[in-house]
Amino acid sequence: MGFKLKPPYKVDNTPIYFVNEDEKGVMGRTNMNGSITINSDIKDPSIIKKVIDHEMVHVDQIKSGLLKYDNNNIYYRTSTKTPFKKYSRKYNKNSPWEKQAYNNKK
């Protein structure tokens, strides 16, 4: 009879890059390939952690098939059994995927 051992640590291999951000007010981004970019102007470690925590919610949303985007639109659904709804790429803090991220709920 076999059993599975779980490691006592969490493995996270999400690539995080610091970049010069052209768009004003953008602190971080999640890319469709699962990587995160953070504005290199941010120096405070506590703010960097908050940005990473926020963007990790989006990484999880993309990995689970709930969120995707292209150059024109954002596509979001609440379940993998429902169709995607199309949203404008214009930033909206009240959008459902952003509400989850601001609440850090995956």
PDB file of N, CA and C in Angstrom:
ATOM      1  N   MET A   1       0.842  -1.175   0.000  1.00  0.00           N
ATOM      2  CA  MET A   1       0.000   0.000   0.000  1.00  0.00           C
ATOM      3  C   MET A   1       0.890   1.242   0.000  1.00  0.00           C
ATOM      4  N   GLY A   2       0.683   2.133  -0.973  1.00  0.00           N
ATOM      5  CA  GLY A   2       1.509   3.326  -1.091  1.00  0.00           C
ATOM      6  C   GLY A   2       0.863   4.532  -0.453  1.00  0.00           C
ATOM      7  N   PHE A   3       1.650   5.515  -0.226  1.00  0.00           N
ATOM      8  CA  PHE A   3       1.156   6.782   0.293  1.00  0.00           C
ATOM      9  C   PHE A   3       1.967   7.905  -0.315  1.00  0.00           C
ATOM     10  N   LYS A   4       1.387   9.088  -0.277  1.00  0.00           N
ATOM     11  CA  LYS A   4       2.047  10.250  -0.854  1.00  0.00           C
ATOM     12  C   LYS A   4       2.534  11.173   0.264  1.00  0.00           C
ATOM     13  N   LEU A   5       3.751  11.613   0.134  1.00  0.00           N
ATOM     14  CA  LEU A   5       4.294  12.584   1.071  1.00  0.00           C
ATOM     15  C   LEU A   5       4.187  13.976   0.471  1.00  0.00           C
ATOM     16  N   LYS A   6       3.725  14.899   1.260  1.00  0.00           N
ATOM     17  CA  LYS A   6       3.684  16.287   0.820  1.00  0.00           C
ATOM     18  C   LYS A   6       4.884  17.002   1.434  1.00  0.00           C
ATOM     19  N   PRO A   7       5.573  17.809   0.634  1.00  0.00           N
ATOM     20  CA  PRO A   7       6.715  18.524   1.197  1.00  0.00           C
ATOM     21  C   PRO A   7       6.250  19.547   2.235  1.00  0.00           C
ATOM     22  N   PRO A   8       7.084  19.807   3.226  1.00  0.00           N
ATOM     23  CA  PRO A   8       6.699  20.776   4.268  1.00  0.00           C
ATOM     24  C   PRO A   8       6.886  22.229   3.830  1.00  0.00           C
ATOM     25  N   TYR A   9       7.053  22.455   2.550  1.00  0.00           N
ATOM     26  CA  TYR A   9       7.256  23.795   2.031  1.00  0.00           C
ATOM     27  C   TYR A   9       6.428  23.970   0.763  1.00  0.00           C
ATOM     28  N   LYS A  10       6.168  25.200   0.414  1.00  0.00           N
ATOM     29  CA  LYS A  10       5.406  25.495  -0.802  1.00  0.00           C
ATOM     30  C   LYS A  10       6.385  25.804  -1.935  1.00  0.00           C
ATOM     31  N   VAL A  11       6.179  25.175  -3.063  1.00  0.00           N
ATOM     32  CA  VAL A  11       7.015  25.438  -4.230  1.00  0.00           C
ATOM     33  C   VAL A  11       6.283  26.422  -5.130  1.00  0.00           C
ATOM     34  N   ASP A  12       6.946  27.526  -5.408  1.00  0.00           N
ATOM     35  CA  ASP A  12       6.381  28.533  -6.307  1.00  0.00           C
ATOM     36  C   ASP A  12       7.458  28.916  -7.302  1.00  0.00           C
ATOM     37  N   ASN A  13       7.243  28.585  -8.543  1.00  0.00           N
ATOM     38  CA  ASN A  13       8.237  28.894  -9.564  1.00  0.00           C
ATOM     39  C   ASN A  13       7.739  29.971 -10.533  1.00  0.00           C
ATOM     40  N   THR A  14       6.918  30.887 -10.035  1.00  0.00           N
ATOM     41  CA  THR A  14       6.421  31.990 -10.859  1.00  0.00           C
ATOM     42  C   THR A  14       7.544  32.993 -11.089  1.00  0.00           C
ATOM     43  N   PRO A  15       7.924  33.219 -12.352  1.00  0.00           N
ATOM     44  CA  PRO A  15       8.976  34.207 -12.620  1.00  0.00           C
ATOM     45  C   PRO A  15       8.485  35.623 -12.326  1.00  0.00           C
ATOM     46  N   ILE A  16       9.306  36.384 -11.631  1.00  0.00           N
ATOM     47  CA  ILE A  16       8.979  37.773 -11.299  1.00  0.00           C
ATOM     48  C   ILE A  16      10.121  38.657 -11.805  1.00  0.00           C
ATOM     49  N   TYR A  17       9.760  39.647 -12.611  1.00  0.00           N
ATOM     50  CA  TYR A  17      10.742  40.547 -13.204  1.00  0.00           C
ATOM     51  C   TYR A  17      10.421  41.986 -12.817  1.00  0.00           C
ATOM     52  N   PHE A  18      11.462  42.776 -12.607  1.00  0.00           N
ATOM     53  CA  PHE A  18      11.303  44.205 -12.360  1.00  0.00           C
ATOM     54  C   PHE A  18      11.592  44.932 -13.663  1.00  0.00           C
ATOM     55  N   VAL A  19      10.641  45.755 -14.107  1.00  0.00           N
ATOM     56  CA  VAL A  19      10.751  46.423 -15.409  1.00  0.00           C
ATOM     57  C   VAL A  19      10.451  47.910 -15.268  1.00  0.00           C
ATOM     58  N   ASN A  20      10.947  48.682 -16.218  1.00  0.00           N
ATOM     59  CA  ASN A  20      10.590  50.100 -16.307  1.00  0.00           C
ATOM     60  C   ASN A  20       9.192  50.172 -16.908  1.00  0.00           C
ATOM     61  N   GLU A  21       8.246  50.631 -16.120  1.00  0.00           N
ATOM     62  CA  GLU A  21       6.845  50.665 -16.551  1.00  0.00           C
ATOM     63  C   GLU A  21       6.551  51.981 -17.243  1.00  0.00           C
ATOM     64  N   ASP A  22       6.053  51.895 -18.479  1.00  0.00           N
ATOM     65  CA  ASP A  22       5.728  53.093 -19.248  1.00  0.00           C
ATOM     66  C   ASP A  22       4.397  53.715 -18.839  1.00  0.00           C
ATOM     67  N   GLU A  23       3.441  52.866 -18.464  1.00  0.00           N
ATOM     68  CA  GLU A  23       2.098  53.359 -18.144  1.00  0.00           C
ATOM     69  C   GLU A  23       2.046  53.861 -16.706  1.00  0.00           C
ATOM     70  N   LYS A  24       1.627  55.098 -16.536  1.00  0.00           N
ATOM     71  CA  LYS A  24       1.578  55.723 -15.214  1.00  0.00           C
ATOM     72  C   LYS A  24       0.600  54.993 -14.292  1.00  0.00           C
ATOM     73  N   GLY A  25       1.010  54.771 -13.065  1.00  0.00           N
ATOM     74  CA  GLY A  25       0.146  54.173 -12.063  1.00  0.00           C
ATOM     75  C   GLY A  25       0.156  52.658 -12.026  1.00  0.00           C
ATOM     76  N   VAL A  26       0.792  51.999 -12.985  1.00  0.00           N
ATOM     77  CA  VAL A  26       0.827  50.537 -13.007  1.00  0.00           C
ATOM     78  C   VAL A  26       1.940  50.062 -12.083  1.00  0.00           C
ATOM     79  N   MET A  27       1.564  49.262 -11.102  1.00  0.00           N
ATOM     80  CA  MET A  27       2.544  48.742 -10.152  1.00  0.00           C
ATOM     81  C   MET A  27       3.016  47.348 -10.545  1.00  0.00           C
ATOM     82  N   GLY A  28       2.141  46.585 -11.180  1.00  0.00           N
ATOM     83  CA  GLY A  28       2.510  45.236 -11.589  1.00  0.00           C
ATOM     84  C   GLY A  28       1.565  44.715 -12.652  1.00  0.00           C
ATOM     85  N   ARG A  29       2.002  43.664 -13.321  1.00  0.00           N
ATOM     86  CA  ARG A  29       1.197  43.025 -14.361  1.00  0.00           C
ATOM     87  C   ARG A  29       1.390  41.513 -14.281  1.00  0.00           C
ATOM     88  N   THR A  30       0.358  40.801 -14.660  1.00  0.00           N
ATOM     89  CA  THR A  30       0.466  39.354 -14.836  1.00  0.00           C
ATOM     90  C   THR A  30       0.389  39.078 -16.319  1.00  0.00           C
ATOM     91  N   ASN A  31       1.333  38.333 -16.828  1.00  0.00           N
ATOM     92  CA  ASN A  31       1.374  38.003 -18.246  1.00  0.00           C
ATOM     93  C   ASN A  31       0.699  36.664 -18.492  1.00  0.00           C
ATOM     94  N   MET A  32       0.247  36.457 -19.712  1.00  0.00           N
ATOM     95  CA  MET A  32      -0.452  35.211 -20.051  1.00  0.00           C
ATOM     96  C   MET A  32       0.446  33.983 -19.898  1.00  0.00           C
ATOM     97  N   ASN A  33       1.750  34.167 -19.900  1.00  0.00           N
ATOM     98  CA  ASN A  33       2.652  33.025 -19.725  1.00  0.00           C
ATOM     99  C   ASN A  33       2.880  32.680 -18.256  1.00  0.00           C
ATOM    100  N   GLY A  34       2.198  33.392 -17.349  1.00  0.00           N
ATOM    101  CA  GLY A  34       2.294  33.092 -15.924  1.00  0.00           C
ATOM    102  C   GLY A  34       3.376  33.859 -15.199  1.00  0.00           C
ATOM    103  N   SER A  35       4.062  34.751 -15.872  1.00  0.00           N
ATOM    104  CA  SER A  35       5.084  35.550 -15.206  1.00  0.00           C
ATOM    105  C   SER A  35       4.471  36.857 -14.700  1.00  0.00           C
ATOM    106  N   ILE A  36       5.189  37.492 -13.789  1.00  0.00           N
ATOM    107  CA  ILE A  36       4.749  38.755 -13.200  1.00  0.00           C
ATOM    108  C   ILE A  36       5.826  39.793 -13.465  1.00  0.00           C
ATOM    109  N   THR A  37       5.399  41.001 -13.842  1.00  0.00           N
ATOM    110  CA  THR A  37       6.333  42.118 -13.934  1.00  0.00           C
ATOM    111  C   THR A  37       5.930  43.160 -12.900  1.00  0.00           C
ATOM    112  N   ILE A  38       6.939  43.732 -12.243  1.00  0.00           N
ATOM    113  CA  ILE A  38       6.722  44.742 -11.217  1.00  0.00           C
ATOM    114  C   ILE A  38       7.459  46.002 -11.626  1.00  0.00           C
ATOM    115  N   ASN A  39       6.828  47.134 -11.404  1.00  0.00           N
ATOM    116  CA  ASN A  39       7.420  48.426 -11.716  1.00  0.00           C
ATOM    117  C   ASN A  39       8.720  48.575 -10.920  1.00  0.00           C
ATOM    118  N   SER A  40       9.827  48.816 -11.611  1.00  0.00           N
ATOM    119  CA  SER A  40      11.129  48.904 -10.959  1.00  0.00           C
ATOM    120  C   SER A  40      11.271  50.150 -10.087  1.00  0.00           C
ATOM    121  N   ASP A  41      10.340  51.090 -10.186  1.00  0.00           N
ATOM    122  CA  ASP A  41      10.380  52.276  -9.326  1.00  0.00           C
ATOM    123  C   ASP A  41       9.941  51.963  -7.898  1.00  0.00           C
ATOM    124  N   ILE A  42       9.299  50.834  -7.696  1.00  0.00           N
ATOM    125  CA  ILE A  42       8.838  50.453  -6.357  1.00  0.00           C
ATOM    126  C   ILE A  42      10.029  49.889  -5.590  1.00  0.00           C
ATOM    127  N   LYS A  43      10.337  50.484  -4.451  1.00  0.00           N
ATOM    128  CA  LYS A  43      11.495  50.065  -3.657  1.00  0.00           C
ATOM    129  C   LYS A  43      11.100  49.486  -2.298  1.00  0.00           C
ATOM    130  N   ASP A  44       9.934  49.855  -1.796  1.00  0.00           N
ATOM    131  CA  ASP A  44       9.495  49.410  -0.471  1.00  0.00           C
ATOM    132  C   ASP A  44       9.135  47.922  -0.505  1.00  0.00           C
ATOM    133  N   PRO A  45       9.830  47.094   0.281  1.00  0.00           N
ATOM    134  CA  PRO A  45       9.563  45.644   0.262  1.00  0.00           C
ATOM    135  C   PRO A  45       8.124  45.276   0.624  1.00  0.00           C
ATOM    136  N   SER A  46       7.482  46.057   1.496  1.00  0.00           N
ATOM    137  CA  SER A  46       6.105  45.733   1.867  1.00  0.00           C
ATOM    138  C   SER A  46       5.150  45.975   0.697  1.00  0.00           C
ATOM    139  N   ILE A  47       5.416  47.010  -0.091  1.00  0.00           N
ATOM    140  CA  ILE A  47       4.578  47.279  -1.271  1.00  0.00           C
ATOM    141  C   ILE A  47       4.849  46.224  -2.335  1.00  0.00           C
ATOM    142  N   ILE A  48       6.099  45.841  -2.516  1.00  0.00           N
ATOM    143  CA  ILE A  48       6.432  44.785  -3.478  1.00  0.00           C
ATOM    144  C   ILE A  48       5.685  43.507  -3.123  1.00  0.00           C
ATOM    145  N   LYS A  49       5.642  43.162  -1.832  1.00  0.00           N
ATOM    146  CA  LYS A  49       4.929  41.956  -1.404  1.00  0.00           C
ATOM    147  C   LYS A  49       3.440  42.060  -1.719  1.00  0.00           C
ATOM    148  N   LYS A  50       2.847  43.225  -1.482  1.00  0.00           N
ATOM    149  CA  LYS A  50       1.423  43.422  -1.787  1.00  0.00           C
ATOM    150  C   LYS A  50       1.159  43.279  -3.280  1.00  0.00           C
ATOM    151  N   VAL A  51       2.046  43.822  -4.103  1.00  0.00           N
ATOM    152  CA  VAL A  51       1.887  43.710  -5.555  1.00  0.00           C
ATOM    153  C   VAL A  51       1.988  42.244  -5.973  1.00  0.00           C
ATOM    154  N   ILE A  52       2.968  41.529  -5.435  1.00  0.00           N
ATOM    155  CA  ILE A  52       3.129  40.112  -5.777  1.00  0.00           C
ATOM    156  C   ILE A  52       1.904  39.316  -5.339  1.00  0.00           C
ATOM    157  N   ASP A  53       1.418  39.552  -4.118  1.00  0.00           N
ATOM    158  CA  ASP A  53       0.223  38.848  -3.633  1.00  0.00           C
ATOM    159  C   ASP A  53      -0.968  39.109  -4.556  1.00  0.00           C
ATOM    160  N   HIS A  54      -1.123  40.363  -4.974  1.00  0.00           N
ATOM    161  CA  HIS A  54      -2.228  40.732  -5.872  1.00  0.00           C
ATOM    162  C   HIS A  54      -2.080  40.020  -7.217  1.00  0.00           C
ATOM    163  N   GLU A  55      -0.899  40.100  -7.799  1.00  0.00           N
ATOM    164  CA  GLU A  55      -0.695  39.502  -9.119  1.00  0.00           C
ATOM    165  C   GLU A  55      -0.750  37.973  -9.082  1.00  0.00           C
ATOM    166  N   MET A  56      -0.398  37.365  -7.962  1.00  0.00           N
ATOM    167  CA  MET A  56      -0.479  35.901  -7.849  1.00  0.00           C
ATOM    168  C   MET A  56      -1.922  35.415  -7.949  1.00  0.00           C
ATOM    169  N   VAL A  57      -2.866  36.236  -7.508  1.00  0.00           N
ATOM    170  CA  VAL A  57      -4.279  35.882  -7.677  1.00  0.00           C
ATOM    171  C   VAL A  57      -4.589  35.790  -9.171  1.00  0.00           C
ATOM    172  N   HIS A  58      -4.080  36.734  -9.957  1.00  0.00           N
ATOM    173  CA  HIS A  58      -4.300  36.701 -11.406  1.00  0.00           C
ATOM    174  C   HIS A  58      -3.588  35.500 -12.048  1.00  0.00           C
ATOM    175  N   VAL A  59      -2.402  35.179 -11.561  1.00  0.00           N
ATOM    176  CA  VAL A  59      -1.695  33.988 -12.069  1.00  0.00           C
ATOM    177  C   VAL A  59      -2.561  32.754 -11.851  1.00  0.00           C
ATOM    178  N   ASP A  60      -3.118  32.636 -10.663  1.00  0.00           N
ATOM    179  CA  ASP A  60      -3.983  31.486 -10.357  1.00  0.00           C
ATOM    180  C   ASP A  60      -5.253  31.500 -11.209  1.00  0.00           C
ATOM    181  N   GLN A  61      -5.813  32.687 -11.454  1.00  0.00           N
ATOM    182  CA  GLN A  61      -7.003  32.789 -12.301  1.00  0.00           C
ATOM    183  C   GLN A  61      -6.690  32.332 -13.724  1.00  0.00           C
ATOM    184  N   ILE A  62      -5.537  32.715 -14.239  1.00  0.00           N
ATOM    185  CA  ILE A  62      -5.143  32.314 -15.592  1.00  0.00           C
ATOM    186  C   ILE A  62      -4.889  30.812 -15.640  1.00  0.00           C
ATOM    187  N   LYS A  63      -4.144  30.299 -14.664  1.00  0.00           N
ATOM    188  CA  LYS A  63      -3.826  28.865 -14.634  1.00  0.00           C
ATOM    189  C   LYS A  63      -5.082  28.001 -14.515  1.00  0.00           C
ATOM    190  N   SER A  64      -6.071  28.488 -13.794  1.00  0.00           N
ATOM    191  CA  SER A  64      -7.290  27.695 -13.596  1.00  0.00           C
ATOM    192  C   SER A  64      -8.294  27.872 -14.729  1.00  0.00           C
ATOM    193  N   GLY A  65      -7.984  28.719 -15.716  1.00  0.00           N
ATOM    194  CA  GLY A  65      -8.859  28.877 -16.872  1.00  0.00           C
ATOM    195  C   GLY A  65     -10.000  29.851 -16.689  1.00  0.00           C
ATOM    196  N   LEU A  66      -9.886  30.736 -15.711  1.00  0.00           N
ATOM    197  CA  LEU A  66     -10.953  31.707 -15.466  1.00  0.00           C
ATOM    198  C   LEU A  66     -10.686  33.067 -16.099  1.00  0.00           C
ATOM    199  N   LEU A  67      -9.434  33.366 -16.394  1.00  0.00           N
ATOM    200  CA  LEU A  67      -9.058  34.683 -16.894  1.00  0.00           C
ATOM    201  C   LEU A  67      -8.089  34.529 -18.061  1.00  0.00           C
ATOM    202  N   LYS A  68      -8.294  35.331 -19.073  1.00  0.00           N
ATOM    203  CA  LYS A  68      -7.336  35.436 -20.179  1.00  0.00           C
ATOM    204  C   LYS A  68      -7.524  36.792 -20.824  1.00  0.00           C
ATOM    205  N   TYR A  69      -6.549  37.194 -21.611  1.00  0.00           N
ATOM    206  CA  TYR A  69      -6.655  38.483 -22.292  1.00  0.00           C
ATOM    207  C   TYR A  69      -5.854  38.462 -23.575  1.00  0.00           C
ATOM    208  N   ASP A  70      -6.185  39.423 -24.431  1.00  0.00           N
ATOM    209  CA  ASP A  70      -5.416  39.657 -25.647  1.00  0.00           C
ATOM    210  C   ASP A  70      -5.174  41.169 -25.738  1.00  0.00           C
ATOM    211  N   ASN A  71      -4.721  41.648 -26.881  1.00  0.00           N
ATOM    212  CA  ASN A  71      -4.419  43.075 -27.013  1.00  0.00           C
ATOM    213  C   ASN A  71      -5.640  43.977 -26.908  1.00  0.00           C
ATOM    214  N   ASN A  72      -6.823  43.420 -27.147  1.00  0.00           N
ATOM    215  CA  ASN A  72      -8.033  44.238 -27.189  1.00  0.00           C
ATOM    216  C   ASN A  72      -8.978  44.049 -26.014  1.00  0.00           C
ATOM    217  N   ASN A  73      -9.064  42.841 -25.486  1.00  0.00           N
ATOM    218  CA  ASN A  73     -10.090  42.530 -24.492  1.00  0.00           C
ATOM    219  C   ASN A  73      -9.558  41.651 -23.365  1.00  0.00           C
ATOM    220  N   ILE A  74     -10.343  41.610 -22.283  1.00  0.00           N
ATOM    221  CA  ILE A  74     -10.119  40.686 -21.177  1.00  0.00           C
ATOM    222  C   ILE A  74     -11.309  39.741 -21.176  1.00  0.00           C
ATOM    223  N   TYR A  75     -11.048  38.472 -20.944  1.00  0.00           N
ATOM    224  CA  TYR A  75     -12.104  37.458 -20.928  1.00  0.00           C
ATOM    225  C   TYR A  75     -12.098  36.806 -19.554  1.00  0.00           C
ATOM    226  N   TYR A  76     -13.268  36.817 -18.917  1.00  0.00           N
ATOM    227  CA  TYR A  76     -13.359  36.286 -17.556  1.00  0.00           C
ATOM    228  C   TYR A  76     -14.619  35.455 -17.424  1.00  0.00           C
ATOM    229  N   ARG A  77     -14.510  34.426 -16.612  1.00  0.00           N
ATOM    230  CA  ARG A  77     -15.680  33.611 -16.264  1.00  0.00           C
ATOM    231  C   ARG A  77     -15.534  33.166 -14.817  1.00  0.00           C
ATOM    232  N   THR A  78     -16.659  32.885 -14.192  1.00  0.00           N
ATOM    233  CA  THR A  78     -16.632  32.510 -12.779  1.00  0.00           C
ATOM    234  C   THR A  78     -16.406  31.020 -12.586  1.00  0.00           C
ATOM    235  N   SER A  79     -16.592  30.251 -13.642  1.00  0.00           N
ATOM    236  CA  SER A  79     -16.421  28.802 -13.571  1.00  0.00           C
ATOM    237  C   SER A  79     -15.942  28.308 -14.927  1.00  0.00           C
ATOM    238  N   THR A  80     -15.195  27.220 -14.929  1.00  0.00           N
ATOM    239  CA  THR A  80     -14.746  26.658 -16.204  1.00  0.00           C
ATOM    240  C   THR A  80     -15.891  26.023 -16.979  1.00  0.00           C
ATOM    241  N   LYS A  81     -17.046  25.921 -16.370  1.00  0.00           N
ATOM    242  CA  LYS A  81     -18.213  25.354 -17.043  1.00  0.00           C
ATOM    243  C   LYS A  81     -19.089  26.424 -17.700  1.00  0.00           C
ATOM    244  N   THR A  82     -18.720  27.676 -17.507  1.00  0.00           N
ATOM    245  CA  THR A  82     -19.493  28.773 -18.104  1.00  0.00           C
ATOM    246  C   THR A  82     -18.668  29.439 -19.202  1.00  0.00           C
ATOM    247  N   PRO A  83     -19.334  30.087 -20.152  1.00  0.00           N
ATOM    248  CA  PRO A  83     -18.578  30.752 -21.226  1.00  0.00           C
ATOM    249  C   PRO A  83     -17.898  32.035 -20.718  1.00  0.00           C
ATOM    250  N   PHE A  84     -16.860  32.440 -21.419  1.00  0.00           N
ATOM    251  CA  PHE A  84     -16.168  33.683 -21.083  1.00  0.00           C
ATOM    252  C   PHE A  84     -17.044  34.880 -21.415  1.00  0.00           C
ATOM    253  N   LYS A  85     -16.957  35.917 -20.573  1.00  0.00           N
ATOM    254  CA  LYS A  85     -17.554  37.214 -20.879  1.00  0.00           C
ATOM    255  C   LYS A  85     -16.420  38.131 -21.309  1.00  0.00           C
ATOM    256  N   LYS A  86     -16.683  38.952 -22.304  1.00  0.00           N
ATOM    257  CA  LYS A  86     -15.668  39.844 -22.855  1.00  0.00           C
ATOM    258  C   LYS A  86     -15.785  41.217 -22.212  1.00  0.00           C
ATOM    259  N   TYR A  87     -14.642  41.756 -21.790  1.00  0.00           N
ATOM    260  CA  TYR A  87     -14.575  43.074 -21.165  1.00  0.00           C
ATOM    261  C   TYR A  87     -13.528  43.914 -21.891  1.00  0.00           C
ATOM    262  N   SER A  88     -13.687  45.215 -21.822  1.00  0.00           N
ATOM    263  CA  SER A  88     -12.708  46.141 -22.384  1.00  0.00           C
ATOM    264  C   SER A  88     -11.401  46.048 -21.608  1.00  0.00           C
ATOM    265  N   ARG A  89     -10.277  46.321 -22.259  1.00  0.00           N
ATOM    266  CA  ARG A  89      -8.974  46.303 -21.591  1.00  0.00           C
ATOM    267  C   ARG A  89      -8.805  47.504 -20.662  1.00  0.00           C
ATOM    268  N   LYS A  90      -9.735  48.447 -20.685  1.00  0.00           N
ATOM    269  CA  LYS A  90      -9.630  49.601 -19.789  1.00  0.00           C
ATOM    270  C   LYS A  90      -9.685  49.112 -18.345  1.00  0.00           C
ATOM    271  N   TYR A  91      -8.740  49.551 -17.537  1.00  0.00           N
ATOM    272  CA  TYR A  91      -8.634  49.103 -16.150  1.00  0.00           C
ATOM    273  C   TYR A  91      -9.873  49.494 -15.350  1.00  0.00           C
ATOM    274  N   ASN A  92     -10.368  48.557 -14.572  1.00  0.00           N
ATOM    275  CA  ASN A  92     -11.528  48.799 -13.735  1.00  0.00           C
ATOM    276  C   ASN A  92     -11.338  48.048 -12.424  1.00  0.00           C
ATOM    277  N   LYS A  93     -11.109  48.772 -11.349  1.00  0.00           N
ATOM    278  CA  LYS A  93     -10.862  48.162 -10.042  1.00  0.00           C
ATOM    279  C   LYS A  93     -12.059  47.352  -9.557  1.00  0.00           C
ATOM    280  N   ASN A  94     -13.245  47.626 -10.085  1.00  0.00           N
ATOM    281  CA  ASN A  94     -14.455  46.929  -9.639  1.00  0.00           C
ATOM    282  C   ASN A  94     -14.789  45.706 -10.479  1.00  0.00           C
ATOM    283  N   SER A  95     -13.933  45.351 -11.422  1.00  0.00           N
ATOM    284  CA  SER A  95     -14.192  44.157 -12.226  1.00  0.00           C
ATOM    285  C   SER A  95     -14.060  42.923 -11.327  1.00  0.00           C
ATOM    286  N   PRO A  96     -14.759  41.833 -11.654  1.00  0.00           N
ATOM    287  CA  PRO A  96     -14.767  40.673 -10.761  1.00  0.00           C
ATOM    288  C   PRO A  96     -13.382  40.075 -10.514  1.00  0.00           C
ATOM    289  N   TRP A  97     -12.514  40.042 -11.521  1.00  0.00           N
ATOM    290  CA  TRP A  97     -11.186  39.466 -11.319  1.00  0.00           C
ATOM    291  C   TRP A  97     -10.313  40.373 -10.453  1.00  0.00           C
ATOM    292  N   GLU A  98     -10.534  41.685 -10.543  1.00  0.00           N
ATOM    293  CA  GLU A  98      -9.778  42.618  -9.708  1.00  0.00           C
ATOM    294  C   GLU A  98     -10.281  42.613  -8.270  1.00  0.00           C
ATOM    295  N   LYS A  99     -11.583  42.475  -8.080  1.00  0.00           N
ATOM    296  CA  LYS A  99     -12.119  42.387  -6.723  1.00  0.00           C
ATOM    297  C   LYS A  99     -11.489  41.215  -5.978  1.00  0.00           C
ATOM    298  N   GLN A 100     -11.390  40.059  -6.656  1.00  0.00           N
ATOM    299  CA  GLN A 100     -10.751  38.895  -6.036  1.00  0.00           C
ATOM    300  C   GLN A 100      -9.295  39.194  -5.674  1.00  0.00           C
ATOM    301  N   ALA A 101      -8.597  39.848  -6.588  1.00  0.00           N
ATOM    302  CA  ALA A 101      -7.188  40.121  -6.371  1.00  0.00           C
ATOM    303  C   ALA A 101      -6.981  41.136  -5.241  1.00  0.00           C
ATOM    304  N   TYR A 102      -7.837  42.154  -5.154  1.00  0.00           N
ATOM    305  CA  TYR A 102      -7.688  43.130  -4.082  1.00  0.00           C
ATOM    306  C   TYR A 102      -8.040  42.518  -2.734  1.00  0.00           C
ATOM    307  N   ASN A 103      -8.895  41.506  -2.751  1.00  0.00           N
ATOM    308  CA  ASN A 103      -9.226  40.789  -1.512  1.00  0.00           C
ATOM    309  C   ASN A 103      -8.262  39.626  -1.268  1.00  0.00           C
ATOM    310  N   ASN A 104      -7.331  39.401  -2.224  1.00  0.00           N
ATOM    311  CA  ASN A 104      -6.384  38.282  -2.172  1.00  0.00           C
ATOM    312  C   ASN A 104      -7.090  36.946  -1.980  1.00  0.00           C
ATOM    313  N   LYS A 105      -8.187  36.775  -2.710  1.00  0.00           N
ATOM    314  CA  LYS A 105      -8.933  35.522  -2.667  1.00  0.00           C
ATOM    315  C   LYS A 105      -8.751  34.798  -3.983  1.00  0.00           C
ATOM    316  N   LYS A 106      -8.245  33.601  -3.917  1.00  0.00           N
ATOM    317  CA  LYS A 106      -7.977  32.820  -5.127  1.00  0.00           C
ATOM    318  C   LYS A 106      -9.191  32.011  -5.515  1.00  0.00           C
TER     319      LYS A 106
END
